[in-house]
Amino acid sequence: MRRACRQGFKIGPLLAETPAGAERLFTALRSDVAGEEPVFLDISACHPAAVALVERHGWQPVFETARMYAGPAPTLDLTRIYGVTSFELG
């Protein structure tokens, strides 16, 4: 999914079974963005394939966050989560 945000567009969630599938979705979601419009994708630095995806396309971090929980952290399978909806929504 891609949606307009304050500046440019935000991709997310970006879910795929494989890195190749994530690559195809990522490319398609950016394909018709005009000119210099910025596109953002919130990834988890704990997912090496998601990091590799954005690095392969020359993307750079613009901010960092920390995920915090009250109580035990949930067990999450990050292998298919290449981008979250937003850090505000999870």
C-alpha atoms as a PDB file:
ATOM      1  CA  MET A   1       0.000   0.000   0.000  1.00  0.00           C
ATOM      2  CA  ARG A   2       1.162   3.539  -0.725  1.00  0.00           C
ATOM      3  CA  ARG A   3      -0.516   6.654   0.608  1.00  0.00           C
ATOM      4  CA  ALA A   4       0.101  10.379   0.529  1.00  0.00           C
ATOM      5  CA  CYS A   5       1.681  11.882   3.631  1.00  0.00           C
ATOM      6  CA  ARG A   6       2.698  15.412   4.633  1.00  0.00           C
ATOM      7  CA  GLN A   7       5.591  15.335   2.210  1.00  0.00           C
ATOM      8  CA  GLY A   8       5.497  12.766  -0.549  1.00  0.00           C
ATOM      9  CA  PHE A   9       4.293   9.224   0.028  1.00  0.00           C
ATOM     10  CA  LYS A  10       4.608   6.461   2.589  1.00  0.00           C
ATOM     11  CA  ILE A  11       4.754   2.760   1.719  1.00  0.00           C
ATOM     12  CA  GLY A  12       3.367   0.327   4.253  1.00  0.00           C
ATOM     13  CA  PRO A  13       2.566  -2.214   5.248  1.00  0.00           C
ATOM     14  CA  LEU A  14       4.942  -4.074   2.972  1.00  0.00           C
ATOM     15  CA  LEU A  15       4.516  -7.804   3.571  1.00  0.00           C
ATOM     16  CA  ALA A  16       6.100 -10.513   1.433  1.00  0.00           C
ATOM     17  CA  GLU A  17       6.926 -14.207   1.683  1.00  0.00           C
ATOM     18  CA  THR A  18      10.387 -13.757   0.147  1.00  0.00           C
ATOM     19  CA  PRO A  19      12.960 -11.022  -0.458  1.00  0.00           C
ATOM     20  CA  ALA A  20      12.219 -11.296  -4.200  1.00  0.00           C
ATOM     21  CA  GLY A  21       8.525 -10.720  -3.536  1.00  0.00           C
ATOM     22  CA  ALA A  22       9.338  -7.712  -1.366  1.00  0.00           C
ATOM     23  CA  GLU A  23      11.529  -6.344  -4.166  1.00  0.00           C
ATOM     24  CA  ARG A  24       8.703  -6.620  -6.707  1.00  0.00           C
ATOM     25  CA  LEU A  25       6.200  -4.907  -4.402  1.00  0.00           C
ATOM     26  CA  PHE A  26       8.670  -2.183  -3.411  1.00  0.00           C
ATOM     27  CA  THR A  27       9.478  -1.440  -7.055  1.00  0.00           C
ATOM     28  CA  ALA A  28       5.819  -1.391  -8.103  1.00  0.00           C
ATOM     29  CA  LEU A  29       4.794   0.915  -5.254  1.00  0.00           C
ATOM     30  CA  ARG A  30       7.471   3.452  -6.252  1.00  0.00           C
ATOM     31  CA  SER A  31       7.100   3.130 -10.019  1.00  0.00           C
ATOM     32  CA  ASP A  32       4.633   5.926 -10.731  1.00  0.00           C
ATOM     33  CA  VAL A  33       5.762   8.526  -8.188  1.00  0.00           C
ATOM     34  CA  ALA A  34       6.504  11.686 -10.147  1.00  0.00           C
ATOM     35  CA  GLY A  35       9.776  13.567 -10.117  1.00  0.00           C
ATOM     36  CA  GLU A  36      11.418  14.341  -6.821  1.00  0.00           C
ATOM     37  CA  GLU A  37       8.470  13.393  -4.582  1.00  0.00           C
ATOM     38  CA  PRO A  38       9.921  11.689  -1.497  1.00  0.00           C
ATOM     39  CA  VAL A  39       8.818   8.158  -0.654  1.00  0.00           C
ATOM     40  CA  PHE A  40       9.192   6.744   2.867  1.00  0.00           C
ATOM     41  CA  LEU A  41       9.202   3.189   4.234  1.00  0.00           C
ATOM     42  CA  ASP A  42       9.403   2.413   7.965  1.00  0.00           C
ATOM     43  CA  ILE A  43      11.460  -0.761   8.434  1.00  0.00           C
ATOM     44  CA  SER A  44      12.795  -2.699  11.370  1.00  0.00           C
ATOM     45  CA  ALA A  45      16.587  -2.621  11.621  1.00  0.00           C
ATOM     46  CA  CYS A  46      16.245  -6.133  13.118  1.00  0.00           C
ATOM     47  CA  HIS A  47      15.223  -7.528   9.704  1.00  0.00           C
ATOM     48  CA  PRO A  48      18.390  -7.912   7.582  1.00  0.00           C
ATOM     49  CA  ALA A  49      16.471  -8.506   4.328  1.00  0.00           C
ATOM     50  CA  ALA A  50      14.434  -5.312   4.806  1.00  0.00           C
ATOM     51  CA  VAL A  51      17.618  -3.356   5.481  1.00  0.00           C
ATOM     52  CA  ALA A  52      19.242  -4.899   2.396  1.00  0.00           C
ATOM     53  CA  LEU A  53      16.207  -3.971   0.273  1.00  0.00           C
ATOM     54  CA  VAL A  54      16.400  -0.258   1.017  1.00  0.00           C
ATOM     55  CA  GLU A  55      20.208  -0.150   0.927  1.00  0.00           C
ATOM     56  CA  ARG A  56      20.183  -1.808  -2.503  1.00  0.00           C
ATOM     57  CA  HIS A  57      18.087   1.125  -3.735  1.00  0.00           C
ATOM     58  CA  GLY A  58      20.331   3.734  -2.120  1.00  0.00           C
ATOM     59  CA  TRP A  59      17.857   4.786   0.557  1.00  0.00           C
ATOM     60  CA  GLN A  60      19.167   6.413   3.723  1.00  0.00           C
ATOM     61  CA  PRO A  61      17.692   6.606   7.245  1.00  0.00           C
ATOM     62  CA  VAL A  62      15.954   9.898   8.029  1.00  0.00           C
ATOM     63  CA  PHE A  63      15.106   9.112  11.662  1.00  0.00           C
ATOM     64  CA  GLU A  64      15.288   6.296  14.196  1.00  0.00           C
ATOM     65  CA  THR A  65      12.892   5.065  16.840  1.00  0.00           C
ATOM     66  CA  ALA A  66      12.879   2.464  19.584  1.00  0.00           C
ATOM     67  CA  ARG A  67      10.053   0.002  20.090  1.00  0.00           C
ATOM     68  CA  MET A  68       9.158  -0.232  23.774  1.00  0.00           C
ATOM     69  CA  TYR A  69       6.645  -2.364  25.655  1.00  0.00           C
ATOM     70  CA  ALA A  70       5.088  -2.330  29.095  1.00  0.00           C
ATOM     71  CA  GLY A  71       5.636  -5.915  30.190  1.00  0.00           C
ATOM     72  CA  PRO A  72       7.109  -8.716  28.100  1.00  0.00           C
ATOM     73  CA  ALA A  73       7.754  -8.006  24.436  1.00  0.00           C
ATOM     74  CA  PRO A  74       5.561 -10.019  22.064  1.00  0.00           C
ATOM     75  CA  THR A  75       7.140 -12.679  19.906  1.00  0.00           C
ATOM     76  CA  LEU A  76       7.075 -11.386  16.339  1.00  0.00           C
ATOM     77  CA  ASP A  77       8.108 -13.161  13.151  1.00  0.00           C
ATOM     78  CA  LEU A  78       9.766 -10.324  11.245  1.00  0.00           C
ATOM     79  CA  THR A  79      10.763 -12.434   8.247  1.00  0.00           C
ATOM     80  CA  ARG A  80       7.735 -11.336   6.180  1.00  0.00           C
ATOM     81  CA  ILE A  81       7.450  -7.758   7.482  1.00  0.00           C
ATOM     82  CA  TYR A  82       9.491  -5.514   5.186  1.00  0.00           C
ATOM     83  CA  GLY A  83       7.702  -2.323   6.218  1.00  0.00           C
ATOM     84  CA  VAL A  84       5.207  -1.378   8.898  1.00  0.00           C
ATOM     85  CA  THR A  85       2.088   0.715   8.400  1.00  0.00           C
ATOM     86  CA  SER A  86       3.642   3.406  10.552  1.00  0.00           C
ATOM     87  CA  PHE A  87       5.439   3.392  13.847  1.00  0.00           C
ATOM     88  CA  GLU A  88       2.425   5.109  15.376  1.00  0.00           C
ATOM     89  CA  LEU A  89       0.115   2.286  14.274  1.00  0.00           C
ATOM     90  CA  GLY A  90       2.520  -0.686  14.331  1.00  0.00           C
END
